[in-house]
Structures are given as structure tokens and as C-alpha cells.
Amino acid sequence: MLEKNLYFVLWILFLFSCRKQESVLFYKYQSNVEDELTSIHFTDEKNGIAVGGNTWKRGIKLSTSDGGNHWSRDSLYDKQLFALCKSSTPQEFFAAGIDQRLYQFSIQHSQISKFGDYAFYRGMTALKQNKIILVGGESFGTGYIHQLDPHTLAFSNLLSLPRELDVIVSFDSLRMIVAGWGILLSSEDGGQSWDSTFLHEHWRDLHTFDQESAVAVGINGSIIMTRDSGKNWAHLRKGNSIFVTDLPLRCIAFKNHLEGIAAGENGIVIKTRDGGKTWLELEDLPEINYLDIFIQGSSYWLCGSEGVIIRIEE
């Protein structure tokens, strides 16, 4: 009897460990860099920017004006950039990374402004013309949320806590969500006060896809969704579960409540068409660490280690 039960358990584990796979049409672009690319953003089908670098050695910006076919490179500073967001000005961006420097650039122009001594910024969002919110921290013991005026460089600390913070997204000038090590924070007053939700995962990325909804992804493969601006969260996929294979996921993007992809380390990219009830693993993609996803039109743009940029066609 014990032997039969053991075989049954092993069979169940085998069934849940099997990954459903699917081929996909994708294009790989020549970036002419070998550093990590940590964030990518397009303003339209032609114009895009990616940032990254080598942690303590250099920061870089790549730009394209022909839909990714050619990328030009600027070396900006001697430390890596991690955060990138759109400004309120058309085709202009803000970026940040290691050290308290604000990078302002368009496809053709770059400007760097120093506003403090040191911080490790991992995410940022521009709420309006004179307000940027930056989040970051180092290891698992330090986290902070900072506010910056990009014109005057006036700087203030909104929140400090003993947890690394990795990403921030905003719905409008008042409502935003922050995620990090074991915590999700939401604000409805522009960051003056925060409500917290503690969930066991290191949440690495967030993505909004309408005025109330967002998804978050964790490093162990958990995926959660909110439909009320971060007040409540429901699991779409549970990492660290006996019935789900752990996946080292780092980034996520949803087109709507049904369609989305998540990606992570060692070339893993998974897709759903039914709101996260089932996931398909995409085959034959470059086996690198994917660090960011951006949706432009019907395409998913992904970037990551080794300077890789790919576009997945849907």
C-alpha cells in the first residue's frame, strides 16, 4: 500500500512538473553591447530607449529611431542605470540607478544632474511635470521611497523601511503601487501615506494595464493581480507550491485581464491567454536573464543580460 501511494505521489508531481510549450515568432536585434539592459521603453513604433550597464563600472543608454533595427549607444556615467520612466514631455525620459543622479534624455540628447550623495534606485515613476517618485534599497535590510522635483532638484524622503524596494508604478498623479522583498505598498495621496500588504515573495516587477488593475511577479514564480489599485491581491500563480514548478521570474507585462507574459532567468518566458489560469512556456528564445518587458502595439519587447533585445510578435 505504501509503495502504491509513493508511486501515486510521484506521478502527481511529474504531471505538475511538466511544462506546456509553444513556439513563437520573435526577432533578435543587434545592440552592440554586452552589458545588462535593465529597462526598455518605446514612445511609438519607431522610437525607443534602453538603459543598463555594468553595476560599478558604467551606465549606458541605447536609443533607436527605426523600430529597433539599429541602436546607438551613449556611455553616461560609471555606474549602472536600473530605472527608466517616461516624462510628461513627448519622447523624453527620466532614468536613475546607483548614486543620486537624475538622467534626463531624449533619443538624441542626455543630461545628468546630481541631487544627493548616494542611493541605489531600482524603480521610478513620473507623476506629473514636477514630481518623480524613486524607490530602491540595498540587500534585504534597507528600502526607501524618495520624491524629487526634476526642475529644481528639491529632494525629500517619503518612507524608509527595512526591506529592499524594487519597482513602482502609477495609475495617475495620486495612486501608485510599490513592490519589493515580501511587501506591496499602495498610496492614494501621491505618496504621503502608504498601506502595506505582506506576501511571502521577493516581488521584482509590476505592470498596470488599466486604471485599476496591475500584476506583480516574484522571483520564485508567483504572479498576483489587483483590480482595485493595490488594496487587494489574488494569486494567478503560486511559487513555492507543491503543485507549481518554481520559476526565477523577473519581469511581467499584461495587455489586458487575459493576455500577458512573464520572463526571468535562464531564458524562461511564459505566456497566458486566459488571465493566468494556464501558462505556456515559449520555446527557442535566447537563454539569457530577461529583466524588463515593454508592450508596443501588438509586440512584446524584452531586454536583459548580454545586451540582448528581442521582440515577440503576437
C-alpha atoms as a PDB file:
ATOM      1  CA  MET A   1       0.000   0.000   0.000  1.00  0.00           C
ATOM      2  CA  LEU A   2       2.838   2.363   0.915  1.00  0.00           C
ATOM      3  CA  GLU A   3       4.532   1.620  -2.393  1.00  0.00           C
ATOM      4  CA  LYS A   4       1.344   2.384  -4.372  1.00  0.00           C
ATOM      5  CA  ASN A   5       0.905   5.675  -2.509  1.00  0.00           C
ATOM      6  CA  LEU A   6       4.500   6.604  -3.268  1.00  0.00           C
ATOM      7  CA  TYR A   7       4.014   5.905  -6.985  1.00  0.00           C
ATOM      8  CA  PHE A   8       0.823   7.984  -6.953  1.00  0.00           C
ATOM      9  CA  VAL A   9       2.583  10.964  -5.330  1.00  0.00           C
ATOM     10  CA  LEU A  10       5.479  10.722  -7.795  1.00  0.00           C
ATOM     11  CA  TRP A  11       3.037  10.579 -10.709  1.00  0.00           C
ATOM     12  CA  ILE A  12       1.185  13.675  -9.466  1.00  0.00           C
ATOM     13  CA  LEU A  13       4.486  15.548  -9.073  1.00  0.00           C
ATOM     14  CA  PHE A  14       5.506  14.508 -12.572  1.00  0.00           C
ATOM     15  CA  LEU A  15       2.259  15.795 -14.066  1.00  0.00           C
ATOM     16  CA  PHE A  16       2.593  19.178 -12.376  1.00  0.00           C
ATOM     17  CA  SER A  17       6.267  19.497 -13.242  1.00  0.00           C
ATOM     18  CA  CYS A  18       5.646  19.063 -16.980  1.00  0.00           C
ATOM     19  CA  ARG A  19       5.681  22.383 -18.814  1.00  0.00           C
ATOM     20  CA  LYS A  20       3.393  23.070 -21.726  1.00  0.00           C
ATOM     21  CA  GLN A  21       5.423  24.673 -24.506  1.00  0.00           C
ATOM     22  CA  GLU A  22       4.685  26.744 -27.573  1.00  0.00           C
ATOM     23  CA  SER A  23       6.748  28.098 -30.464  1.00  0.00           C
ATOM     24  CA  VAL A  24       6.656  31.832 -31.070  1.00  0.00           C
ATOM     25  CA  LEU A  25       7.782  34.264 -33.752  1.00  0.00           C
ATOM     26  CA  PHE A  26      10.498  36.557 -32.419  1.00  0.00           C
ATOM     27  CA  TYR A  27      13.255  38.864 -33.693  1.00  0.00           C
ATOM     28  CA  LYS A  28      16.634  39.397 -32.030  1.00  0.00           C
ATOM     29  CA  TYR A  29      18.269  42.807 -32.507  1.00  0.00           C
ATOM     30  CA  GLN A  30      21.937  43.760 -32.506  1.00  0.00           C
ATOM     31  CA  SER A  31      22.545  46.144 -29.602  1.00  0.00           C
ATOM     32  CA  ASN A  32      26.368  46.138 -29.885  1.00  0.00           C
ATOM     33  CA  VAL A  33      26.757  45.914 -26.094  1.00  0.00           C
ATOM     34  CA  GLU A  34      27.411  43.018 -23.736  1.00  0.00           C
ATOM     35  CA  ASP A  35      26.241  44.665 -20.503  1.00  0.00           C
ATOM     36  CA  GLU A  36      22.910  44.090 -18.796  1.00  0.00           C
ATOM     37  CA  LEU A  37      19.968  46.002 -20.199  1.00  0.00           C
ATOM     38  CA  THR A  38      17.651  46.566 -17.259  1.00  0.00           C
ATOM     39  CA  SER A  39      14.820  48.638 -18.744  1.00  0.00           C
ATOM     40  CA  ILE A  40      13.325  49.326 -22.182  1.00  0.00           C
ATOM     41  CA  HIS A  41      10.633  51.763 -23.327  1.00  0.00           C
ATOM     42  CA  PHE A  42       9.149  52.859 -26.662  1.00  0.00           C
ATOM     43  CA  THR A  43       7.256  56.082 -27.331  1.00  0.00           C
ATOM     44  CA  ASP A  44       5.893  54.776 -30.639  1.00  0.00           C
ATOM     45  CA  GLU A  45       6.662  52.001 -33.125  1.00  0.00           C
ATOM     46  CA  LYS A  46       9.921  53.684 -34.210  1.00  0.00           C
ATOM     47  CA  ASN A  47      11.467  55.445 -31.210  1.00  0.00           C
ATOM     48  CA  GLY A  48      12.756  53.573 -28.173  1.00  0.00           C
ATOM     49  CA  ILE A  49      15.306  53.702 -25.372  1.00  0.00           C
ATOM     50  CA  ALA A  50      17.007  51.053 -23.231  1.00  0.00           C
ATOM     51  CA  VAL A  51      19.281  51.576 -20.218  1.00  0.00           C
ATOM     52  CA  GLY A  52      21.641  49.377 -18.230  1.00  0.00           C
ATOM     53  CA  GLY A  53      25.351  48.892 -17.741  1.00  0.00           C
ATOM     54  CA  ASN A  54      27.819  47.088 -15.519  1.00  0.00           C
ATOM     55  CA  THR A  55      26.997  47.595 -11.822  1.00  0.00           C
ATOM     56  CA  TRP A  56      30.021  49.543 -10.538  1.00  0.00           C
ATOM     57  CA  LYS A  57      31.802  50.231 -13.856  1.00  0.00           C
ATOM     58  CA  ARG A  58      29.477  52.011 -16.296  1.00  0.00           C
ATOM     59  CA  GLY A  59      25.980  53.148 -17.173  1.00  0.00           C
ATOM     60  CA  ILE A  60      24.714  53.099 -20.736  1.00  0.00           C
ATOM     61  CA  LYS A  61      21.810  54.331 -22.813  1.00  0.00           C
ATOM     62  CA  LEU A  62      20.761  52.806 -26.129  1.00  0.00           C
ATOM     63  CA  SER A  63      18.371  54.571 -28.485  1.00  0.00           C
ATOM     64  CA  THR A  64      16.641  53.623 -31.723  1.00  0.00           C
ATOM     65  CA  SER A  65      14.653  55.677 -34.213  1.00  0.00           C
ATOM     66  CA  ASP A  66      13.912  52.896 -36.702  1.00  0.00           C
ATOM     67  CA  GLY A  67      11.926  50.381 -34.705  1.00  0.00           C
ATOM     68  CA  GLY A  68      14.895  48.609 -33.141  1.00  0.00           C
ATOM     69  CA  ASN A  69      16.774  47.757 -36.314  1.00  0.00           C
ATOM     70  CA  HIS A  70      19.698  49.966 -35.247  1.00  0.00           C
ATOM     71  CA  TRP A  71      20.693  51.056 -31.742  1.00  0.00           C
ATOM     72  CA  SER A  72      23.126  53.862 -30.895  1.00  0.00           C
ATOM     73  CA  ARG A  73      24.973  53.883 -27.587  1.00  0.00           C
ATOM     74  CA  ASP A  74      25.852  56.596 -25.068  1.00  0.00           C
ATOM     75  CA  SER A  75      28.094  55.896 -22.061  1.00  0.00           C
ATOM     76  CA  LEU A  76      26.577  58.105 -19.371  1.00  0.00           C
ATOM     77  CA  TYR A  77      28.341  57.508 -16.073  1.00  0.00           C
ATOM     78  CA  ASP A  78      30.495  54.963 -14.248  1.00  0.00           C
ATOM     79  CA  LYS A  79      27.631  53.088 -12.547  1.00  0.00           C
ATOM     80  CA  GLN A  80      24.657  51.121 -13.873  1.00  0.00           C
ATOM     81  CA  LEU A  81      21.182  52.517 -14.566  1.00  0.00           C
ATOM     82  CA  PHE A  82      18.235  50.406 -13.380  1.00  0.00           C
ATOM     83  CA  ALA A  83      15.165  52.653 -13.535  1.00  0.00           C
ATOM     84  CA  LEU A  84      13.544  54.280 -16.566  1.00  0.00           C
ATOM     85  CA  CYS A  85      10.257  56.147 -16.997  1.00  0.00           C
ATOM     86  CA  LYS A  86       8.528  58.444 -19.447  1.00  0.00           C
ATOM     87  CA  SER A  87       8.446  62.143 -18.624  1.00  0.00           C
ATOM     88  CA  SER A  88       5.469  64.435 -19.293  1.00  0.00           C
ATOM     89  CA  THR A  89       7.287  65.845 -22.339  1.00  0.00           C
ATOM     90  CA  PRO A  90       6.809  63.858 -25.570  1.00  0.00           C
ATOM     91  CA  GLN A  91       9.709  61.485 -26.374  1.00  0.00           C
ATOM     92  CA  GLU A  92      11.658  62.442 -23.228  1.00  0.00           C
ATOM     93  CA  PHE A  93      12.643  60.112 -20.393  1.00  0.00           C
ATOM     94  CA  PHE A  94      13.992  60.068 -16.858  1.00  0.00           C
ATOM     95  CA  ALA A  95      16.413  57.414 -15.602  1.00  0.00           C
ATOM     96  CA  ALA A  96      18.215  56.612 -12.345  1.00  0.00           C
ATOM     97  CA  GLY A  97      20.491  53.992 -10.846  1.00  0.00           C
ATOM     98  CA  ILE A  98      23.414  53.909  -8.463  1.00  0.00           C
ATOM     99  CA  ASP A  99      24.195  57.312  -6.878  1.00  0.00           C
ATOM    100  CA  GLN A 100      21.725  60.159  -6.639  1.00  0.00           C
ATOM    101  CA  ARG A 101      21.848  61.311 -10.229  1.00  0.00           C
ATOM    102  CA  LEU A 102      18.854  62.104 -12.406  1.00  0.00           C
ATOM    103  CA  TYR A 103      19.288  61.321 -16.086  1.00  0.00           C
ATOM    104  CA  GLN A 104      17.093  63.301 -18.471  1.00  0.00           C
ATOM    105  CA  PHE A 105      17.237  62.392 -22.111  1.00  0.00           C
ATOM    106  CA  SER A 106      15.512  62.141 -25.429  1.00  0.00           C
ATOM    107  CA  ILE A 107      16.549  59.960 -28.349  1.00  0.00           C
ATOM    108  CA  GLN A 108      19.271  62.479 -29.271  1.00  0.00           C
ATOM    109  CA  HIS A 109      20.182  64.274 -26.017  1.00  0.00           C
ATOM    110  CA  SER A 110      21.342  63.374 -22.486  1.00  0.00           C
ATOM    111  CA  GLN A 111      21.675  65.455 -19.316  1.00  0.00           C
ATOM    112  CA  ILE A 112      22.834  64.336 -15.842  1.00  0.00           C
ATOM    113  CA  SER A 113      22.016  66.205 -12.610  1.00  0.00           C
ATOM    114  CA  LYS A 114      23.326  65.287  -9.150  1.00  0.00           C
ATOM    115  CA  PHE A 115      20.899  65.843  -6.256  1.00  0.00           C
ATOM    116  CA  GLY A 116      22.458  63.884  -3.365  1.00  0.00           C
ATOM    117  CA  ASP A 117      25.319  61.670  -2.267  1.00  0.00           C
ATOM    118  CA  TYR A 118      24.241  58.065  -2.619  1.00  0.00           C
ATOM    119  CA  ALA A 119      21.232  55.818  -3.218  1.00  0.00           C
ATOM    120  CA  PHE A 120      20.585  52.566  -5.083  1.00  0.00           C
ATOM    121  CA  TYR A 121      17.495  53.320  -7.162  1.00  0.00           C
ATOM    122  CA  ARG A 122      15.725  50.347  -8.749  1.00  0.00           C
ATOM    123  CA  GLY A 123      12.440  51.869  -9.921  1.00  0.00           C
ATOM    124  CA  MET A 124      10.834  55.232 -10.667  1.00  0.00           C
ATOM    125  CA  THR A 125       7.698  56.907 -11.991  1.00  0.00           C
ATOM    126  CA  ALA A 126       6.901  60.466 -13.077  1.00  0.00           C
ATOM    127  CA  LEU A 127       3.575  61.552 -11.562  1.00  0.00           C
ATOM    128  CA  LYS A 128       3.424  65.000 -13.167  1.00  0.00           C
ATOM    129  CA  GLN A 129       5.742  67.655 -14.560  1.00  0.00           C
ATOM    130  CA  ASN A 130       7.439  68.495 -11.271  1.00  0.00           C
ATOM    131  CA  LYS A 131       7.242  65.219  -9.332  1.00  0.00           C
ATOM    132  CA  ILE A 132       9.211  61.977  -9.647  1.00  0.00           C
ATOM    133  CA  ILE A 133       8.969  59.121  -7.136  1.00  0.00           C
ATOM    134  CA  LEU A 134      12.018  56.838  -6.853  1.00  0.00           C
ATOM    135  CA  VAL A 135      12.283  53.557  -4.929  1.00  0.00           C
ATOM    136  CA  GLY A 136      15.262  51.419  -4.048  1.00  0.00           C
ATOM    137  CA  GLY A 137      17.457  49.917  -1.394  1.00  0.00           C
ATOM    138  CA  GLU A 138      20.336  47.548  -0.925  1.00  0.00           C
ATOM    139  CA  SER A 139      20.129  43.866   0.018  1.00  0.00           C
ATOM    140  CA  PHE A 140      17.114  42.931   2.129  1.00  0.00           C
ATOM    141  CA  GLY A 141      17.657  45.324   5.033  1.00  0.00           C
ATOM    142  CA  THR A 142      17.229  48.778   3.511  1.00  0.00           C
ATOM    143  CA  GLY A 143      14.474  50.330   1.446  1.00  0.00           C
ATOM    144  CA  TYR A 144      13.272  53.844   0.716  1.00  0.00           C
ATOM    145  CA  ILE A 145      10.810  55.921  -1.289  1.00  0.00           C
ATOM    146  CA  HIS A 146      12.075  59.335  -2.383  1.00  0.00           C
ATOM    147  CA  GLN A 147      10.416  62.302  -4.075  1.00  0.00           C
ATOM    148  CA  LEU A 148      12.258  64.592  -6.499  1.00  0.00           C
ATOM    149  CA  ASP A 149      11.417  67.735  -8.447  1.00  0.00           C
ATOM    150  CA  PRO A 150      13.293  67.272 -11.762  1.00  0.00           C
ATOM    151  CA  HIS A 151      13.479  71.044 -12.371  1.00  0.00           C
ATOM    152  CA  THR A 152      14.684  72.343  -9.006  1.00  0.00           C
ATOM    153  CA  LEU A 153      16.176  69.000  -7.806  1.00  0.00           C
ATOM    154  CA  ALA A 154      14.392  69.511  -4.478  1.00  0.00           C
ATOM    155  CA  PHE A 155      14.518  66.114  -2.749  1.00  0.00           C
ATOM    156  CA  SER A 156      12.639  64.514   0.166  1.00  0.00           C
ATOM    157  CA  ASN A 157      12.288  61.110   1.822  1.00  0.00           C
ATOM    158  CA  LEU A 158       8.704  59.800   1.855  1.00  0.00           C
ATOM    159  CA  LEU A 159       9.315  56.448   3.570  1.00  0.00           C
ATOM    160  CA  SER A 160      12.132  54.277   4.911  1.00  0.00           C
ATOM    161  CA  LEU A 161      11.761  50.630   5.888  1.00  0.00           C
ATOM    162  CA  PRO A 162      13.968  47.544   6.390  1.00  0.00           C
ATOM    163  CA  ARG A 163      13.019  45.915   3.068  1.00  0.00           C
ATOM    164  CA  GLU A 164      14.511  46.325  -0.377  1.00  0.00           C
ATOM    165  CA  LEU A 165      12.078  48.011  -2.784  1.00  0.00           C
ATOM    166  CA  ASP A 166      12.386  47.181  -6.468  1.00  0.00           C
ATOM    167  CA  VAL A 167       9.620  48.717  -8.540  1.00  0.00           C
ATOM    168  CA  ILE A 168       6.941  51.407  -8.601  1.00  0.00           C
ATOM    169  CA  VAL A 169       4.015  52.023 -10.974  1.00  0.00           C
ATOM    170  CA  SER A 170       1.414  54.782 -11.001  1.00  0.00           C
ATOM    171  CA  PHE A 171      -2.187  54.904 -12.192  1.00  0.00           C
ATOM    172  CA  ASP A 172      -2.394  58.705 -12.047  1.00  0.00           C
ATOM    173  CA  SER A 173      -0.841  61.583 -10.088  1.00  0.00           C
ATOM    174  CA  LEU A 174      -2.163  60.241  -6.761  1.00  0.00           C
ATOM    175  CA  ARG A 175      -2.454  56.441  -6.933  1.00  0.00           C
ATOM    176  CA  MET A 176       0.618  54.213  -7.078  1.00  0.00           C
ATOM    177  CA  ILE A 177       1.954  50.800  -6.035  1.00  0.00           C
ATOM    178  CA  VAL A 178       5.439  49.829  -4.831  1.00  0.00           C
ATOM    179  CA  ALA A 179       6.761  46.272  -4.516  1.00  0.00           C
ATOM    180  CA  GLY A 180       9.851  44.651  -3.049  1.00  0.00           C
ATOM    181  CA  TRP A 181      11.052  41.992  -0.644  1.00  0.00           C
ATOM    182  CA  GLY A 182       7.918  40.468   0.894  1.00  0.00           C
ATOM    183  CA  ILE A 183       5.859  43.646   0.673  1.00  0.00           C
ATOM    184  CA  LEU A 184       3.485  45.596  -1.578  1.00  0.00           C
ATOM    185  CA  LEU A 185       2.667  49.219  -0.754  1.00  0.00           C
ATOM    186  CA  SER A 186      -0.145  51.349  -2.159  1.00  0.00           C
ATOM    187  CA  SER A 187      -0.812  55.068  -1.918  1.00  0.00           C
ATOM    188  CA  GLU A 188      -3.819  57.158  -2.920  1.00  0.00           C
ATOM    189  CA  ASP A 189      -2.430  60.584  -1.978  1.00  0.00           C
ATOM    190  CA  GLY A 190       0.699  60.928  -4.092  1.00  0.00           C
ATOM    191  CA  GLY A 191       2.944  59.061  -1.666  1.00  0.00           C
ATOM    192  CA  GLN A 192       2.190  60.983   1.526  1.00  0.00           C
ATOM    193  CA  SER A 193       0.756  57.856   3.192  1.00  0.00           C
ATOM    194  CA  TRP A 194       1.052  54.144   2.413  1.00  0.00           C
ATOM    195  CA  ASP A 195      -0.928  50.970   3.060  1.00  0.00           C
ATOM    196  CA  SER A 196       1.037  47.718   3.154  1.00  0.00           C
ATOM    197  CA  THR A 197       0.346  44.112   2.165  1.00  0.00           C
ATOM    198  CA  PHE A 198       2.836  41.452   3.272  1.00  0.00           C
ATOM    199  CA  LEU A 199       3.139  38.445   0.947  1.00  0.00           C
ATOM    200  CA  HIS A 200       5.951  35.911   1.092  1.00  0.00           C
ATOM    201  CA  GLU A 201       7.899  36.537  -2.135  1.00  0.00           C
ATOM    202  CA  HIS A 202      10.539  38.887  -3.418  1.00  0.00           C
ATOM    203  CA  TRP A 203       8.372  40.917  -5.790  1.00  0.00           C
ATOM    204  CA  ARG A 204      10.545  42.090  -8.683  1.00  0.00           C
ATOM    205  CA  ASP A 205       8.205  43.766 -11.171  1.00  0.00           C
ATOM    206  CA  LEU A 206       4.796  45.429 -11.537  1.00  0.00           C
ATOM    207  CA  HIS A 207       2.738  46.332 -14.591  1.00  0.00           C
ATOM    208  CA  THR A 208      -0.513  48.309 -14.905  1.00  0.00           C
ATOM    209  CA  PHE A 209      -2.902  47.685 -17.769  1.00  0.00           C
ATOM    210  CA  ASP A 210      -5.954  49.797 -16.938  1.00  0.00           C
ATOM    211  CA  GLN A 211      -6.994  52.452 -14.411  1.00  0.00           C
ATOM    212  CA  GLU A 212      -7.460  49.973 -11.539  1.00  0.00           C
ATOM    213  CA  SER A 213      -5.547  46.797 -12.435  1.00  0.00           C
ATOM    214  CA  ALA A 214      -1.953  45.666 -12.111  1.00  0.00           C
ATOM    215  CA  VAL A 215       0.057  42.443 -11.955  1.00  0.00           C
ATOM    216  CA  ALA A 216       3.158  41.647  -9.894  1.00  0.00           C
ATOM    217  CA  VAL A 217       5.741  38.900 -10.315  1.00  0.00           C
ATOM    218  CA  GLY A 218       8.059  37.285  -7.760  1.00  0.00           C
ATOM    219  CA  ILE A 219      11.465  35.708  -8.099  1.00  0.00           C
ATOM    220  CA  ASN A 220      10.141  32.248  -7.152  1.00  0.00           C
ATOM    221  CA  GLY A 221       7.449  32.330  -9.835  1.00  0.00           C
ATOM    222  CA  SER A 222       4.460  33.786  -8.001  1.00  0.00           C
ATOM    223  CA  ILE A 223       2.170  36.050 -10.027  1.00  0.00           C
ATOM    224  CA  ILE A 224      -0.585  38.146  -8.441  1.00  0.00           C
ATOM    225  CA  MET A 225      -3.189  40.623  -9.723  1.00  0.00           C
ATOM    226  CA  THR A 226      -5.062  43.555  -8.231  1.00  0.00           C
ATOM    227  CA  ARG A 227      -8.223  45.104  -9.665  1.00  0.00           C
ATOM    228  CA  ASP A 228      -8.585  47.842  -7.062  1.00  0.00           C
ATOM    229  CA  SER A 229      -5.307  49.797  -7.314  1.00  0.00           C
ATOM    230  CA  GLY A 230      -3.415  47.560  -4.907  1.00  0.00           C
ATOM    231  CA  LYS A 231      -5.815  47.271  -1.990  1.00  0.00           C
ATOM    232  CA  ASN A 232      -6.370  43.534  -2.564  1.00  0.00           C
ATOM    233  CA  TRP A 233      -4.348  40.909  -4.433  1.00  0.00           C
ATOM    234  CA  ALA A 234      -5.265  37.500  -5.859  1.00  0.00           C
ATOM    235  CA  HIS A 235      -2.811  34.784  -6.880  1.00  0.00           C
ATOM    236  CA  LEU A 236      -2.684  33.834 -10.554  1.00  0.00           C
ATOM    237  CA  ARG A 237       0.285  31.535  -9.943  1.00  0.00           C
ATOM    238  CA  LYS A 238       1.814  30.389  -6.645  1.00  0.00           C
ATOM    239  CA  GLY A 239       5.539  29.803  -6.491  1.00  0.00           C
ATOM    240  CA  ASN A 240       6.915  27.618  -3.698  1.00  0.00           C
ATOM    241  CA  SER A 241       3.906  25.322  -4.132  1.00  0.00           C
ATOM    242  CA  ILE A 242       3.938  21.534  -4.406  1.00  0.00           C
ATOM    243  CA  PHE A 243       1.653  21.818  -7.445  1.00  0.00           C
ATOM    244  CA  VAL A 244       3.619  24.533  -9.298  1.00  0.00           C
ATOM    245  CA  THR A 245       7.170  24.476 -10.623  1.00  0.00           C
ATOM    246  CA  ASP A 246       9.293  27.303  -9.229  1.00  0.00           C
ATOM    247  CA  LEU A 247      10.443  29.690 -11.952  1.00  0.00           C
ATOM    248  CA  PRO A 248      13.001  32.510 -11.453  1.00  0.00           C
ATOM    249  CA  LEU A 249      10.804  35.291 -12.861  1.00  0.00           C
ATOM    250  CA  ARG A 250      11.995  38.906 -13.034  1.00  0.00           C
ATOM    251  CA  CYS A 251       9.542  40.880 -15.191  1.00  0.00           C
ATOM    252  CA  ILE A 252       5.937  40.881 -16.358  1.00  0.00           C
ATOM    253  CA  ALA A 253       3.564  42.719 -18.719  1.00  0.00           C
ATOM    254  CA  PHE A 254      -0.155  42.261 -19.422  1.00  0.00           C
ATOM    255  CA  LYS A 255      -2.074  43.691 -22.385  1.00  0.00           C
ATOM    256  CA  ASN A 256      -5.407  43.230 -20.603  1.00  0.00           C
ATOM    257  CA  HIS A 257      -7.031  40.962 -17.997  1.00  0.00           C
ATOM    258  CA  LEU A 258      -6.430  37.889 -20.177  1.00  0.00           C
ATOM    259  CA  GLU A 259      -3.206  38.255 -22.168  1.00  0.00           C
ATOM    260  CA  GLY A 260       0.267  38.637 -20.714  1.00  0.00           C
ATOM    261  CA  ILE A 261       3.782  37.279 -20.434  1.00  0.00           C
ATOM    262  CA  ALA A 262       6.336  36.935 -17.660  1.00  0.00           C
ATOM    263  CA  ALA A 263      10.055  36.322 -18.084  1.00  0.00           C
ATOM    264  CA  GLY A 264      13.123  35.730 -15.984  1.00  0.00           C
ATOM    265  CA  GLU A 265      16.413  33.973 -15.593  1.00  0.00           C
ATOM    266  CA  ASN A 266      17.967  31.319 -17.835  1.00  0.00           C
ATOM    267  CA  GLY A 267      15.742  32.159 -20.801  1.00  0.00           C
ATOM    268  CA  ILE A 268      12.382  31.449 -19.158  1.00  0.00           C
ATOM    269  CA  VAL A 269       9.407  33.213 -20.811  1.00  0.00           C
ATOM    270  CA  ILE A 270       5.831  32.129 -20.099  1.00  0.00           C
ATOM    271  CA  LYS A 271       2.570  33.342 -21.613  1.00  0.00           C
ATOM    272  CA  THR A 272      -1.107  33.281 -20.675  1.00  0.00           C
ATOM    273  CA  ARG A 273      -4.218  33.913 -22.758  1.00  0.00           C
ATOM    274  CA  ASP A 274      -6.771  33.172 -20.036  1.00  0.00           C
ATOM    275  CA  GLY A 275      -5.891  35.592 -17.260  1.00  0.00           C
ATOM    276  CA  GLY A 276      -3.274  33.370 -15.630  1.00  0.00           C
ATOM    277  CA  LYS A 277      -5.279  30.154 -15.290  1.00  0.00           C
ATOM    278  CA  THR A 278      -2.803  28.388 -17.580  1.00  0.00           C
ATOM    279  CA  TRP A 279       0.711  29.279 -18.704  1.00  0.00           C
ATOM    280  CA  LEU A 280       2.697  28.186 -21.764  1.00  0.00           C
ATOM    281  CA  GLU A 281       6.480  28.259 -21.905  1.00  0.00           C
ATOM    282  CA  LEU A 282       7.796  29.896 -25.079  1.00  0.00           C
ATOM    283  CA  GLU A 283      10.420  27.807 -26.867  1.00  0.00           C
ATOM    284  CA  ASP A 284      13.769  28.542 -28.534  1.00  0.00           C
ATOM    285  CA  LEU A 285      14.274  32.064 -27.184  1.00  0.00           C
ATOM    286  CA  PRO A 286      17.790  33.272 -26.231  1.00  0.00           C
ATOM    287  CA  GLU A 287      18.849  31.702 -22.918  1.00  0.00           C
ATOM    288  CA  ILE A 288      19.675  34.902 -21.057  1.00  0.00           C
ATOM    289  CA  ASN A 289      18.289  36.632 -17.970  1.00  0.00           C
ATOM    290  CA  TYR A 290      15.298  38.731 -19.039  1.00  0.00           C
ATOM    291  CA  LEU A 291      14.998  41.876 -16.921  1.00  0.00           C
ATOM    292  CA  ASP A 292      12.258  44.010 -18.494  1.00  0.00           C
ATOM    293  CA  ILE A 293       9.260  43.822 -20.834  1.00  0.00           C
ATOM    294  CA  PHE A 294       7.531  46.630 -22.716  1.00  0.00           C
ATOM    295  CA  ILE A 295       4.372  46.351 -24.814  1.00  0.00           C
ATOM    296  CA  GLN A 296       4.305  48.373 -28.039  1.00  0.00           C
ATOM    297  CA  GLY A 297       1.284  47.758 -30.228  1.00  0.00           C
ATOM    298  CA  SER A 298       0.888  44.007 -30.653  1.00  0.00           C
ATOM    299  CA  SER A 299       4.542  43.273 -29.786  1.00  0.00           C
ATOM    300  CA  TYR A 300       6.366  42.466 -26.562  1.00  0.00           C
ATOM    301  CA  TRP A 301       9.882  43.931 -26.317  1.00  0.00           C
ATOM    302  CA  LEU A 302      12.248  42.155 -23.892  1.00  0.00           C
ATOM    303  CA  CYS A 303      15.774  43.050 -22.777  1.00  0.00           C
ATOM    304  CA  GLY A 304      18.269  41.528 -20.385  1.00  0.00           C
ATOM    305  CA  SER A 305      21.773  40.185 -19.896  1.00  0.00           C
ATOM    306  CA  GLU A 306      24.458  40.148 -22.594  1.00  0.00           C
ATOM    307  CA  GLY A 307      22.871  43.198 -24.223  1.00  0.00           C
ATOM    308  CA  VAL A 308      20.052  41.121 -25.688  1.00  0.00           C
ATOM    309  CA  ILE A 309      16.953  42.825 -27.117  1.00  0.00           C
ATOM    310  CA  ILE A 310      14.173  40.745 -28.662  1.00  0.00           C
ATOM    311  CA  ARG A 311      10.681  41.439 -29.981  1.00  0.00           C
ATOM    312  CA  ILE A 312       7.970  38.783 -29.698  1.00  0.00           C
ATOM    313  CA  GLU A 313       5.210  39.003 -32.255  1.00  0.00           C
ATOM    314  CA  GLU A 314       1.607  38.278 -31.284  1.00  0.00           C
END
